[in-house]
Amino acid sequence: MRFLKTLFVLAVLVAAAGAAALWWEAKNFAASGPSTADTKVFVRPGMGLGVIANILEGRGVVDNALLFRAGVMRRDAATKLKAGEYVFPVQASMAKILDMLVHHEIVQHRITIAEGLTTDMVVSLVNTHPDLEGAVSEVPPEGSLLPETYLFELGTTREQILRDMHAAQEKLLAELWPKRKMGLPYTTQQEALTLASIVEKETGIAAERPRIAAVFVNRLRTPMRLESDPTIIYGLTKGVPLGRGLRQSELERPNPYSTYQIDGLPPTPIANPGRDAIAAVLDPPDTKELYFVADGSGGHAFAETYADHQRNVANWRRIEQTDGQ
């Protein structure tokens, strides 16, 4: 009987010790960490728990690598840690660090692509971004990338971010193309992108894009030539701004992109159009307008007749002369 009592007491003591150990471990796992500043740590793919724990201790993010390992294993999370670039906040507890590693709360880098850039310009931005990796083996087709701000994690390649831009455009077209207005004078997504790129280059004012799209749609239906200056520039320089007005010789020079010389649309887009321009050419308003010209305010004056357009042009010429004095 005395032996059984002794065993019982030992069992109680062991249980009490185990409970105390668990309480101590939980308390320390949730306690504030030793770091005195936000600390950046890059966890590379393939790193195991032991390596990660040692790095965290070496960077002063945790006090004890063994305790961190034990805590992670007790929570059955050793295989749930994700690679990436992390910034652990000052005095982050081991529990907080584990939560970030499991939920992949990584640093998000970004690249912003402005609307209306050519693909060569986009690739140049991608190539010079310091947080992207690798080389671009092939420049994507003109007009195939969606201008936006893209978030990415460290280790993303330049080709991957370009694929993301193309996928974003395809997703947008998949959403908008089935809802397009019936009877448009173009039947393929590529033709719509080509017109959208012209609309994009004609105005930087989002509210004007549907109206300008309607003018071009009306011209295509007439049919009239689009007579868009940006198409000439693309044929001359592949979209690099001239920094001056077009010369008469450039208007007359043979140019497969010049919509002063060709009927209909140019052979490819002349830039990468944004969401607003793509939406505008797929659902333009119903108007009878066939002309537009700068109005001096940054926008354009629109007209249905050539006579009204000539008056708008004369007004713009007066504004130009006044500004030049």
C-alpha atoms as a PDB file:
ATOM      1  CA  MET A   1       0.000   0.000   0.000  1.00  0.00           C
ATOM      2  CA  ARG A   2       2.824   2.369   0.965  1.00  0.00           C
ATOM      3  CA  PHE A   3       4.448   1.621  -2.427  1.00  0.00           C
ATOM      4  CA  LEU A   4       1.282   2.514  -4.282  1.00  0.00           C
ATOM      5  CA  LYS A   5       0.995   5.757  -2.350  1.00  0.00           C
ATOM      6  CA  THR A   6       4.581   6.569  -3.246  1.00  0.00           C
ATOM      7  CA  LEU A   7       3.883   5.935  -6.928  1.00  0.00           C
ATOM      8  CA  PHE A   8       0.807   8.125  -6.722  1.00  0.00           C
ATOM      9  CA  VAL A   9       2.761  10.963  -5.140  1.00  0.00           C
ATOM     10  CA  LEU A  10       5.484  10.650  -7.791  1.00  0.00           C
ATOM     11  CA  ALA A  11       2.877  10.703 -10.542  1.00  0.00           C
ATOM     12  CA  VAL A  12       1.323  13.832  -9.068  1.00  0.00           C
ATOM     13  CA  LEU A  13       4.734  15.470  -8.812  1.00  0.00           C
ATOM     14  CA  VAL A  14       5.601  14.556 -12.417  1.00  0.00           C
ATOM     15  CA  ALA A  15       2.257  15.878 -13.628  1.00  0.00           C
ATOM     16  CA  ALA A  16       2.735  19.038 -11.610  1.00  0.00           C
ATOM     17  CA  ALA A  17       6.237  19.458 -13.003  1.00  0.00           C
ATOM     18  CA  GLY A  18       4.959  18.890 -16.543  1.00  0.00           C
ATOM     19  CA  ALA A  19       2.185  21.405 -16.050  1.00  0.00           C
ATOM     20  CA  ALA A  20       4.644  23.896 -14.609  1.00  0.00           C
ATOM     21  CA  ALA A  21       6.979  23.339 -17.570  1.00  0.00           C
ATOM     22  CA  LEU A  22       4.139  23.899 -20.025  1.00  0.00           C
ATOM     23  CA  TRP A  23       3.071  27.030 -18.172  1.00  0.00           C
ATOM     24  CA  TRP A  24       6.648  28.309 -18.161  1.00  0.00           C
ATOM     25  CA  GLU A  25       7.088  27.538 -21.850  1.00  0.00           C
ATOM     26  CA  ALA A  26       3.793  29.173 -22.804  1.00  0.00           C
ATOM     27  CA  LYS A  27       4.584  32.228 -20.701  1.00  0.00           C
ATOM     28  CA  ASN A  28       8.027  32.650 -22.254  1.00  0.00           C
ATOM     29  CA  PHE A  29       6.746  31.943 -25.764  1.00  0.00           C
ATOM     30  CA  ALA A  30       4.262  34.788 -25.427  1.00  0.00           C
ATOM     31  CA  ALA A  31       6.648  37.164 -23.608  1.00  0.00           C
ATOM     32  CA  SER A  32       8.167  40.208 -25.278  1.00  0.00           C
ATOM     33  CA  GLY A  33      11.272  39.402 -27.289  1.00  0.00           C
ATOM     34  CA  PRO A  34      14.765  40.892 -26.979  1.00  0.00           C
ATOM     35  CA  SER A  35      14.884  42.963 -30.172  1.00  0.00           C
ATOM     36  CA  THR A  36      15.283  46.712 -29.760  1.00  0.00           C
ATOM     37  CA  ALA A  37      14.237  47.609 -33.311  1.00  0.00           C
ATOM     38  CA  ASP A  38      12.280  46.196 -36.217  1.00  0.00           C
ATOM     39  CA  THR A  39      14.439  43.431 -37.680  1.00  0.00           C
ATOM     40  CA  LYS A  40      14.487  42.219 -41.275  1.00  0.00           C
ATOM     41  CA  VAL A  41      15.084  38.486 -41.756  1.00  0.00           C
ATOM     42  CA  PHE A  42      15.062  36.624 -45.056  1.00  0.00           C
ATOM     43  CA  VAL A  43      13.934  33.000 -44.745  1.00  0.00           C
ATOM     44  CA  ARG A  44      15.077  31.226 -47.874  1.00  0.00           C
ATOM     45  CA  PRO A  45      13.128  28.368 -49.457  1.00  0.00           C
ATOM     46  CA  GLY A  46      14.148  24.994 -48.054  1.00  0.00           C
ATOM     47  CA  MET A  47      15.312  26.271 -44.662  1.00  0.00           C
ATOM     48  CA  GLY A  48      14.324  23.943 -41.834  1.00  0.00           C
ATOM     49  CA  LEU A  49      13.116  24.873 -38.364  1.00  0.00           C
ATOM     50  CA  GLY A  50      16.557  24.486 -36.808  1.00  0.00           C
ATOM     51  CA  VAL A  51      18.228  26.831 -39.295  1.00  0.00           C
ATOM     52  CA  ILE A  52      15.445  29.389 -38.959  1.00  0.00           C
ATOM     53  CA  ALA A  53      15.619  29.280 -35.161  1.00  0.00           C
ATOM     54  CA  ASN A  54      19.388  29.806 -35.211  1.00  0.00           C
ATOM     55  CA  ILE A  55      19.042  32.756 -37.593  1.00  0.00           C
ATOM     56  CA  LEU A  56      16.411  34.350 -35.363  1.00  0.00           C
ATOM     57  CA  GLU A  57      18.651  33.980 -32.330  1.00  0.00           C
ATOM     58  CA  GLY A  58      21.656  35.262 -34.251  1.00  0.00           C
ATOM     59  CA  ARG A  59      19.732  38.366 -35.340  1.00  0.00           C
ATOM     60  CA  GLY A  60      18.592  38.999 -31.764  1.00  0.00           C
ATOM     61  CA  VAL A  61      14.938  38.382 -32.542  1.00  0.00           C
ATOM     62  CA  VAL A  62      14.580  35.504 -30.028  1.00  0.00           C
ATOM     63  CA  ASP A  63      16.531  34.819 -26.846  1.00  0.00           C
ATOM     64  CA  ASN A  64      16.846  31.078 -27.238  1.00  0.00           C
ATOM     65  CA  ALA A  65      16.771  29.064 -30.459  1.00  0.00           C
ATOM     66  CA  LEU A  66      16.074  25.812 -28.605  1.00  0.00           C
ATOM     67  CA  LEU A  67      13.082  27.277 -26.800  1.00  0.00           C
ATOM     68  CA  PHE A  68      11.730  28.633 -30.098  1.00  0.00           C
ATOM     69  CA  ARG A  69      12.167  25.235 -31.736  1.00  0.00           C
ATOM     70  CA  ALA A  70      10.457  23.485 -28.840  1.00  0.00           C
ATOM     71  CA  GLY A  71       7.556  25.924 -28.915  1.00  0.00           C
ATOM     72  CA  VAL A  72       7.083  25.532 -32.648  1.00  0.00           C
ATOM     73  CA  MET A  73       7.198  21.745 -32.433  1.00  0.00           C
ATOM     74  CA  ARG A  74       4.776  21.642 -29.492  1.00  0.00           C
ATOM     75  CA  ARG A  75       2.341  23.628 -31.628  1.00  0.00           C
ATOM     76  CA  ASP A  76       2.822  21.203 -34.525  1.00  0.00           C
ATOM     77  CA  ALA A  77       3.931  24.068 -36.792  1.00  0.00           C
ATOM     78  CA  ALA A  78       7.418  22.955 -37.861  1.00  0.00           C
ATOM     79  CA  THR A  79       6.278  22.223 -41.428  1.00  0.00           C
ATOM     80  CA  LYS A  80       4.068  25.309 -41.698  1.00  0.00           C
ATOM     81  CA  LEU A  81       6.819  27.960 -41.732  1.00  0.00           C
ATOM     82  CA  LYS A  82       6.947  29.835 -45.034  1.00  0.00           C
ATOM     83  CA  ALA A  83       9.909  31.344 -46.830  1.00  0.00           C
ATOM     84  CA  GLY A  84      10.061  35.053 -47.503  1.00  0.00           C
ATOM     85  CA  GLU A  85      11.337  38.425 -46.367  1.00  0.00           C
ATOM     86  CA  TYR A  86      10.029  39.364 -42.925  1.00  0.00           C
ATOM     87  CA  VAL A  87      10.293  42.438 -40.754  1.00  0.00           C
ATOM     88  CA  PHE A  88       9.687  41.349 -37.171  1.00  0.00           C
ATOM     89  CA  PRO A  89       8.521  44.253 -34.995  1.00  0.00           C
ATOM     90  CA  VAL A  90      10.489  45.453 -31.992  1.00  0.00           C
ATOM     91  CA  GLN A  91      10.218  43.092 -29.000  1.00  0.00           C
ATOM     92  CA  ALA A  92       8.085  40.651 -31.003  1.00  0.00           C
ATOM     93  CA  SER A  93       7.271  37.567 -28.959  1.00  0.00           C
ATOM     94  CA  MET A  94       8.082  34.097 -30.230  1.00  0.00           C
ATOM     95  CA  ALA A  95       4.346  33.558 -30.590  1.00  0.00           C
ATOM     96  CA  LYS A  96       4.093  36.633 -32.824  1.00  0.00           C
ATOM     97  CA  ILE A  97       7.087  35.522 -34.875  1.00  0.00           C
ATOM     98  CA  LEU A  98       5.608  32.069 -35.362  1.00  0.00           C
ATOM     99  CA  ASP A  99       2.271  33.566 -36.384  1.00  0.00           C
ATOM    100  CA  MET A 100       3.977  35.736 -39.010  1.00  0.00           C
ATOM    101  CA  LEU A 101       5.969  32.788 -40.375  1.00  0.00           C
ATOM    102  CA  VAL A 102       2.896  30.585 -40.607  1.00  0.00           C
ATOM    103  CA  HIS A 103       0.628  33.227 -42.166  1.00  0.00           C
ATOM    104  CA  HIS A 104       3.329  34.489 -44.553  1.00  0.00           C
ATOM    105  CA  GLU A 105       3.239  38.109 -43.371  1.00  0.00           C
ATOM    106  CA  ILE A 106       6.114  39.091 -45.608  1.00  0.00           C
ATOM    107  CA  VAL A 107       7.455  42.405 -46.867  1.00  0.00           C
ATOM    108  CA  GLN A 108       5.579  43.467 -50.008  1.00  0.00           C
ATOM    109  CA  HIS A 109       7.625  45.244 -52.653  1.00  0.00           C
ATOM    110  CA  ARG A 110       5.886  47.136 -55.433  1.00  0.00           C
ATOM    111  CA  ILE A 111       6.294  48.328 -58.974  1.00  0.00           C
ATOM    112  CA  THR A 112       3.965  50.868 -60.578  1.00  0.00           C
ATOM    113  CA  ILE A 113       3.367  50.884 -64.319  1.00  0.00           C
ATOM    114  CA  ALA A 114       1.753  54.063 -65.606  1.00  0.00           C
ATOM    115  CA  GLU A 115      -0.987  53.911 -68.209  1.00  0.00           C
ATOM    116  CA  GLY A 116       0.121  54.520 -71.775  1.00  0.00           C
ATOM    117  CA  LEU A 117       3.701  53.269 -71.542  1.00  0.00           C
ATOM    118  CA  THR A 118       4.982  51.163 -74.402  1.00  0.00           C
ATOM    119  CA  THR A 119       6.078  47.622 -73.669  1.00  0.00           C
ATOM    120  CA  ASP A 120       9.718  48.610 -74.178  1.00  0.00           C
ATOM    121  CA  MET A 121       9.270  51.280 -71.502  1.00  0.00           C
ATOM    122  CA  VAL A 122       7.634  48.785 -69.129  1.00  0.00           C
ATOM    123  CA  VAL A 123      10.472  46.287 -69.621  1.00  0.00           C
ATOM    124  CA  SER A 124      12.981  49.065 -68.934  1.00  0.00           C
ATOM    125  CA  LEU A 125      11.267  49.814 -65.605  1.00  0.00           C
ATOM    126  CA  VAL A 126      11.198  46.117 -64.742  1.00  0.00           C
ATOM    127  CA  ASN A 127      14.866  45.697 -65.669  1.00  0.00           C
ATOM    128  CA  THR A 128      15.958  48.561 -63.425  1.00  0.00           C
ATOM    129  CA  HIS A 129      13.852  47.614 -60.401  1.00  0.00           C
ATOM    130  CA  PRO A 130      16.346  46.641 -57.684  1.00  0.00           C
ATOM    131  CA  ASP A 131      14.087  44.141 -55.905  1.00  0.00           C
ATOM    132  CA  LEU A 132      13.370  41.925 -58.909  1.00  0.00           C
ATOM    133  CA  GLU A 133      15.652  39.114 -60.039  1.00  0.00           C
ATOM    134  CA  GLY A 134      16.761  37.538 -63.305  1.00  0.00           C
ATOM    135  CA  ALA A 135      16.714  38.769 -66.872  1.00  0.00           C
ATOM    136  CA  VAL A 136      13.946  39.292 -69.419  1.00  0.00           C
ATOM    137  CA  SER A 137      14.546  36.869 -72.260  1.00  0.00           C
ATOM    138  CA  GLU A 138      11.801  38.183 -74.561  1.00  0.00           C
ATOM    139  CA  VAL A 139       9.933  41.486 -74.709  1.00  0.00           C
ATOM    140  CA  PRO A 140       6.150  40.854 -74.580  1.00  0.00           C
ATOM    141  CA  PRO A 141       3.969  42.022 -77.479  1.00  0.00           C
ATOM    142  CA  GLU A 142       2.965  45.668 -77.549  1.00  0.00           C
ATOM    143  CA  GLY A 143      -0.211  46.379 -75.580  1.00  0.00           C
ATOM    144  CA  SER A 144      -0.286  43.017 -73.775  1.00  0.00           C
ATOM    145  CA  LEU A 145       0.413  44.306 -70.233  1.00  0.00           C
ATOM    146  CA  LEU A 146      -2.031  45.933 -67.822  1.00  0.00           C
ATOM    147  CA  PRO A 147      -0.713  49.128 -66.209  1.00  0.00           C
ATOM    148  CA  GLU A 148      -1.204  48.980 -62.434  1.00  0.00           C
ATOM    149  CA  THR A 149       0.702  48.792 -59.168  1.00  0.00           C
ATOM    150  CA  TYR A 150       1.907  45.237 -58.565  1.00  0.00           C
ATOM    151  CA  LEU A 151       2.975  43.857 -55.200  1.00  0.00           C
ATOM    152  CA  PHE A 152       5.569  41.111 -55.066  1.00  0.00           C
ATOM    153  CA  GLU A 153       7.883  39.395 -52.619  1.00  0.00           C
ATOM    154  CA  LEU A 154      11.649  39.294 -52.670  1.00  0.00           C
ATOM    155  CA  GLY A 155      12.863  36.604 -55.033  1.00  0.00           C
ATOM    156  CA  THR A 156      10.266  37.324 -57.717  1.00  0.00           C
ATOM    157  CA  THR A 157      11.790  37.299 -61.196  1.00  0.00           C
ATOM    158  CA  ARG A 158      11.379  39.989 -63.822  1.00  0.00           C
ATOM    159  CA  GLU A 159       9.781  37.510 -66.194  1.00  0.00           C
ATOM    160  CA  GLN A 160       7.274  36.511 -63.499  1.00  0.00           C
ATOM    161  CA  ILE A 161       6.171  40.110 -62.892  1.00  0.00           C
ATOM    162  CA  LEU A 162       5.685  40.549 -66.652  1.00  0.00           C
ATOM    163  CA  ARG A 163       3.617  37.357 -66.704  1.00  0.00           C
ATOM    164  CA  ASP A 164       1.543  38.774 -63.838  1.00  0.00           C
ATOM    165  CA  MET A 165       0.920  41.963 -65.857  1.00  0.00           C
ATOM    166  CA  HIS A 166      -0.217  39.931 -68.850  1.00  0.00           C
ATOM    167  CA  ALA A 167      -2.410  37.694 -66.691  1.00  0.00           C
ATOM    168  CA  ALA A 168      -4.025  40.776 -65.135  1.00  0.00           C
ATOM    169  CA  GLN A 169      -4.916  42.091 -68.590  1.00  0.00           C
ATOM    170  CA  GLU A 170      -6.322  38.717 -69.644  1.00  0.00           C
ATOM    171  CA  LYS A 171      -8.423  38.616 -66.483  1.00  0.00           C
ATOM    172  CA  LEU A 172      -9.783  42.112 -67.162  1.00  0.00           C
ATOM    173  CA  LEU A 173     -10.644  41.234 -70.761  1.00  0.00           C
ATOM    174  CA  ALA A 174     -12.321  38.018 -69.651  1.00  0.00           C
ATOM    175  CA  GLU A 175     -14.522  40.147 -67.415  1.00  0.00           C
ATOM    176  CA  LEU A 176     -15.295  43.009 -69.822  1.00  0.00           C
ATOM    177  CA  TRP A 177     -15.304  41.406 -73.275  1.00  0.00           C
ATOM    178  CA  PRO A 178     -18.530  39.343 -72.791  1.00  0.00           C
ATOM    179  CA  LYS A 179     -20.300  42.535 -71.599  1.00  0.00           C
ATOM    180  CA  ARG A 180     -19.177  44.673 -74.554  1.00  0.00           C
ATOM    181  CA  LYS A 181     -21.673  46.792 -76.447  1.00  0.00           C
ATOM    182  CA  MET A 182     -23.086  45.032 -79.475  1.00  0.00           C
ATOM    183  CA  GLY A 183     -22.352  46.334 -82.959  1.00  0.00           C
ATOM    184  CA  LEU A 184     -18.870  47.661 -82.320  1.00  0.00           C
ATOM    185  CA  PRO A 185     -16.741  48.074 -85.483  1.00  0.00           C
ATOM    186  CA  TYR A 186     -14.129  45.604 -84.238  1.00  0.00           C
ATOM    187  CA  THR A 187     -14.547  41.919 -83.540  1.00  0.00           C
ATOM    188  CA  THR A 188     -11.433  40.786 -81.658  1.00  0.00           C
ATOM    189  CA  GLN A 189      -9.906  41.596 -78.311  1.00  0.00           C
ATOM    190  CA  GLN A 190      -6.669  42.581 -80.058  1.00  0.00           C
ATOM    191  CA  GLU A 191      -8.494  45.191 -82.137  1.00  0.00           C
ATOM    192  CA  ALA A 192     -10.168  46.533 -79.001  1.00  0.00           C
ATOM    193  CA  LEU A 193      -6.780  46.792 -77.279  1.00  0.00           C
ATOM    194  CA  THR A 194      -5.373  48.619 -80.288  1.00  0.00           C
ATOM    195  CA  LEU A 195      -8.119  51.241 -80.168  1.00  0.00           C
ATOM    196  CA  ALA A 196      -7.841  51.449 -76.370  1.00  0.00           C
ATOM    197  CA  SER A 197      -4.139  52.217 -76.709  1.00  0.00           C
ATOM    198  CA  ILE A 198      -4.938  55.134 -79.034  1.00  0.00           C
ATOM    199  CA  VAL A 199      -7.585  56.435 -76.636  1.00  0.00           C
ATOM    200  CA  GLU A 200      -5.045  56.141 -73.812  1.00  0.00           C
ATOM    201  CA  LYS A 201      -2.500  58.249 -75.671  1.00  0.00           C
ATOM    202  CA  GLU A 202      -5.015  60.899 -76.703  1.00  0.00           C
ATOM    203  CA  THR A 203      -5.961  62.011 -73.187  1.00  0.00           C
ATOM    204  CA  GLY A 204      -4.732  61.774 -69.631  1.00  0.00           C
ATOM    205  CA  ILE A 205      -8.200  62.612 -68.301  1.00  0.00           C
ATOM    206  CA  ALA A 206     -10.053  59.447 -67.337  1.00  0.00           C
ATOM    207  CA  ALA A 207     -13.484  61.074 -67.667  1.00  0.00           C
ATOM    208  CA  GLU A 208     -12.778  61.933 -71.334  1.00  0.00           C
ATOM    209  CA  ARG A 209     -11.829  58.448 -72.446  1.00  0.00           C
ATOM    210  CA  PRO A 210     -15.360  57.161 -73.122  1.00  0.00           C
ATOM    211  CA  ARG A 211     -16.139  60.233 -75.228  1.00  0.00           C
ATOM    212  CA  ILE A 212     -12.915  59.976 -77.222  1.00  0.00           C
ATOM    213  CA  ALA A 213     -13.567  56.258 -77.693  1.00  0.00           C
ATOM    214  CA  ALA A 214     -17.007  57.137 -79.057  1.00  0.00           C
ATOM    215  CA  VAL A 215     -15.474  59.578 -81.579  1.00  0.00           C
ATOM    216  CA  PHE A 216     -13.141  56.888 -82.890  1.00  0.00           C
ATOM    217  CA  VAL A 217     -15.944  54.297 -82.985  1.00  0.00           C
ATOM    218  CA  ASN A 218     -18.075  56.736 -84.987  1.00  0.00           C
ATOM    219  CA  ARG A 219     -15.176  57.335 -87.385  1.00  0.00           C
ATOM    220  CA  LEU A 220     -14.628  53.609 -87.884  1.00  0.00           C
ATOM    221  CA  ARG A 221     -18.323  53.205 -88.669  1.00  0.00           C
ATOM    222  CA  THR A 222     -18.428  56.133 -91.153  1.00  0.00           C
ATOM    223  CA  PRO A 223     -15.745  55.140 -92.287  1.00  0.00           C
ATOM    224  CA  MET A 224     -13.321  58.002 -91.685  1.00  0.00           C
ATOM    225  CA  ARG A 225      -9.649  57.743 -90.908  1.00  0.00           C
ATOM    226  CA  LEU A 226      -8.863  58.050 -87.217  1.00  0.00           C
ATOM    227  CA  GLU A 227      -6.206  60.745 -87.783  1.00  0.00           C
ATOM    228  CA  SER A 228      -4.573  60.295 -84.372  1.00  0.00           C
ATOM    229  CA  ASP A 229      -1.190  61.967 -83.880  1.00  0.00           C
ATOM    230  CA  PRO A 230       0.088  59.356 -81.374  1.00  0.00           C
ATOM    231  CA  THR A 231      -0.113  56.685 -84.087  1.00  0.00           C
ATOM    232  CA  ILE A 232       2.289  58.694 -86.237  1.00  0.00           C
ATOM    233  CA  ILE A 233       4.710  59.075 -83.332  1.00  0.00           C
ATOM    234  CA  TYR A 234       4.630  55.345 -82.622  1.00  0.00           C
ATOM    235  CA  GLY A 235       5.502  54.634 -86.242  1.00  0.00           C
ATOM    236  CA  LEU A 236       8.386  57.099 -86.083  1.00  0.00           C
ATOM    237  CA  THR A 237       9.938  56.330 -82.687  1.00  0.00           C
ATOM    238  CA  LYS A 238       8.061  53.306 -81.332  1.00  0.00           C
ATOM    239  CA  GLY A 239       6.355  55.605 -78.859  1.00  0.00           C
ATOM    240  CA  VAL A 240       9.309  57.622 -77.584  1.00  0.00           C
ATOM    241  CA  PRO A 241       8.013  61.217 -77.221  1.00  0.00           C
ATOM    242  CA  LEU A 242       9.288  63.647 -79.816  1.00  0.00           C
ATOM    243  CA  GLY A 243       9.482  66.541 -77.371  1.00  0.00           C
ATOM    244  CA  ARG A 244       7.995  68.802 -80.046  1.00  0.00           C
ATOM    245  CA  GLY A 245       5.152  68.993 -82.478  1.00  0.00           C
ATOM    246  CA  LEU A 246       4.937  66.836 -85.585  1.00  0.00           C
ATOM    247  CA  ARG A 247       6.497  68.221 -88.738  1.00  0.00           C
ATOM    248  CA  GLN A 248       4.761  68.240 -92.095  1.00  0.00           C
ATOM    249  CA  SER A 249       7.462  65.944 -93.451  1.00  0.00           C
ATOM    250  CA  GLU A 250       6.676  63.430 -90.699  1.00  0.00           C
ATOM    251  CA  LEU A 251       2.975  63.589 -91.506  1.00  0.00           C
ATOM    252  CA  GLU A 252       3.770  62.799 -95.138  1.00  0.00           C
ATOM    253  CA  ARG A 253       6.458  60.154 -94.563  1.00  0.00           C
ATOM    254  CA  PRO A 254       5.212  56.586 -95.295  1.00  0.00           C
ATOM    255  CA  ASN A 255       4.234  55.122 -91.947  1.00  0.00           C
ATOM    256  CA  PRO A 256       2.307  51.852 -91.432  1.00  0.00           C
ATOM    257  CA  TYR A 257       0.993  53.120 -88.081  1.00  0.00           C
ATOM    258  CA  SER A 258      -0.120  56.573 -89.241  1.00  0.00           C
ATOM    259  CA  THR A 259      -3.901  56.715 -89.090  1.00  0.00           C
ATOM    260  CA  TYR A 260      -3.675  59.759 -91.347  1.00  0.00           C
ATOM    261  CA  GLN A 261      -2.436  57.395 -94.083  1.00  0.00           C
ATOM    262  CA  ILE A 262      -4.159  54.073 -93.344  1.00  0.00           C
ATOM    263  CA  ASP A 263      -7.807  53.137 -93.064  1.00  0.00           C
ATOM    264  CA  GLY A 264      -9.012  51.612 -89.835  1.00  0.00           C
ATOM    265  CA  LEU A 265      -6.738  50.561 -87.011  1.00  0.00           C
ATOM    266  CA  PRO A 266      -2.932  50.331 -87.007  1.00  0.00           C
ATOM    267  CA  PRO A 267      -1.396  46.834 -87.091  1.00  0.00           C
ATOM    268  CA  THR A 268      -0.784  46.620 -83.304  1.00  0.00           C
ATOM    269  CA  PRO A 269      -1.487  48.631 -80.169  1.00  0.00           C
ATOM    270  CA  ILE A 270       0.741  51.684 -79.728  1.00  0.00           C
ATOM    271  CA  ALA A 271       1.003  51.423 -75.922  1.00  0.00           C
ATOM    272  CA  ASN A 272      -0.369  49.499 -72.962  1.00  0.00           C
ATOM    273  CA  PRO A 273      -3.866  50.826 -72.211  1.00  0.00           C
ATOM    274  CA  GLY A 274      -5.241  50.977 -68.681  1.00  0.00           C
ATOM    275  CA  ARG A 275      -8.549  49.781 -67.293  1.00  0.00           C
ATOM    276  CA  ASP A 276     -10.458  52.967 -68.101  1.00  0.00           C
ATOM    277  CA  ALA A 277      -9.379  53.045 -71.735  1.00  0.00           C
ATOM    278  CA  ILE A 278     -10.186  49.350 -72.264  1.00  0.00           C
ATOM    279  CA  ALA A 279     -13.584  49.774 -70.618  1.00  0.00           C
ATOM    280  CA  ALA A 280     -14.254  52.870 -72.735  1.00  0.00           C
ATOM    281  CA  VAL A 281     -13.747  51.147 -76.094  1.00  0.00           C
ATOM    282  CA  LEU A 282     -15.855  48.160 -75.041  1.00  0.00           C
ATOM    283  CA  ASP A 283     -18.771  50.309 -73.884  1.00  0.00           C
ATOM    284  CA  PRO A 284     -18.556  53.727 -75.546  1.00  0.00           C
ATOM    285  CA  PRO A 285     -21.450  56.173 -75.119  1.00  0.00           C
ATOM    286  CA  ASP A 286     -23.838  56.787 -77.989  1.00  0.00           C
ATOM    287  CA  THR A 287     -22.872  60.105 -79.584  1.00  0.00           C
ATOM    288  CA  LYS A 288     -22.671  61.645 -83.041  1.00  0.00           C
ATOM    289  CA  GLU A 289     -19.365  63.375 -82.375  1.00  0.00           C
ATOM    290  CA  LEU A 290     -16.645  62.912 -84.984  1.00  0.00           C
ATOM    291  CA  TYR A 291     -14.014  65.465 -83.939  1.00  0.00           C
ATOM    292  CA  PHE A 292     -12.080  66.692 -80.948  1.00  0.00           C
ATOM    293  CA  VAL A 293      -9.252  69.137 -80.364  1.00  0.00           C
ATOM    294  CA  ALA A 294      -7.433  70.497 -77.316  1.00  0.00           C
ATOM    295  CA  ASP A 295      -9.378  73.232 -75.526  1.00  0.00           C
ATOM    296  CA  GLY A 296      -6.549  74.828 -73.535  1.00  0.00           C
ATOM    297  CA  SER A 297      -7.682  73.475 -70.180  1.00  0.00           C
ATOM    298  CA  GLY A 298      -5.942  70.122 -70.471  1.00  0.00           C
ATOM    299  CA  GLY A 299      -9.037  68.564 -71.992  1.00  0.00           C
ATOM    300  CA  HIS A 300     -10.701  68.610 -75.392  1.00  0.00           C
ATOM    301  CA  ALA A 301     -13.530  70.334 -77.243  1.00  0.00           C
ATOM    302  CA  PHE A 302     -15.790  67.926 -79.147  1.00  0.00           C
ATOM    303  CA  ALA A 303     -17.882  68.502 -82.250  1.00  0.00           C
ATOM    304  CA  GLU A 304     -20.349  66.645 -84.450  1.00  0.00           C
ATOM    305  CA  THR A 305     -19.751  68.706 -87.594  1.00  0.00           C
ATOM    306  CA  TYR A 306     -16.617  69.801 -89.365  1.00  0.00           C
ATOM    307  CA  ALA A 307     -17.724  73.435 -89.204  1.00  0.00           C
ATOM    308  CA  ASP A 308     -18.006  73.291 -85.401  1.00  0.00           C
ATOM    309  CA  HIS A 309     -14.680  71.507 -85.257  1.00  0.00           C
ATOM    310  CA  GLN A 310     -13.020  74.252 -87.294  1.00  0.00           C
ATOM    311  CA  ARG A 311     -14.298  76.845 -84.811  1.00  0.00           C
ATOM    312  CA  ASN A 312     -12.846  74.769 -81.958  1.00  0.00           C
ATOM    313  CA  VAL A 313      -9.538  74.490 -83.812  1.00  0.00           C
ATOM    314  CA  ALA A 314      -9.446  78.262 -84.371  1.00  0.00           C
ATOM    315  CA  ASN A 315     -10.053  78.807 -80.665  1.00  0.00           C
ATOM    316  CA  TRP A 316      -7.204  76.438 -79.821  1.00  0.00           C
ATOM    317  CA  ARG A 317      -4.894  78.267 -82.211  1.00  0.00           C
ATOM    318  CA  ARG A 318      -5.690  81.561 -80.464  1.00  0.00           C
ATOM    319  CA  ILE A 319      -4.893  79.962 -77.105  1.00  0.00           C
ATOM    320  CA  GLU A 320      -1.587  78.648 -78.481  1.00  0.00           C
ATOM    321  CA  GLN A 321      -0.641  82.069 -79.797  1.00  0.00           C
ATOM    322  CA  THR A 322      -1.546  83.740 -76.493  1.00  0.00           C
ATOM    323  CA  ASP A 323       0.479  81.223 -74.502  1.00  0.00           C
ATOM    324  CA  GLY A 324       3.424  81.683 -76.855  1.00  0.00           C
ATOM    325  CA  GLN A 325       3.635  85.430 -76.328  1.00  0.00           C
END
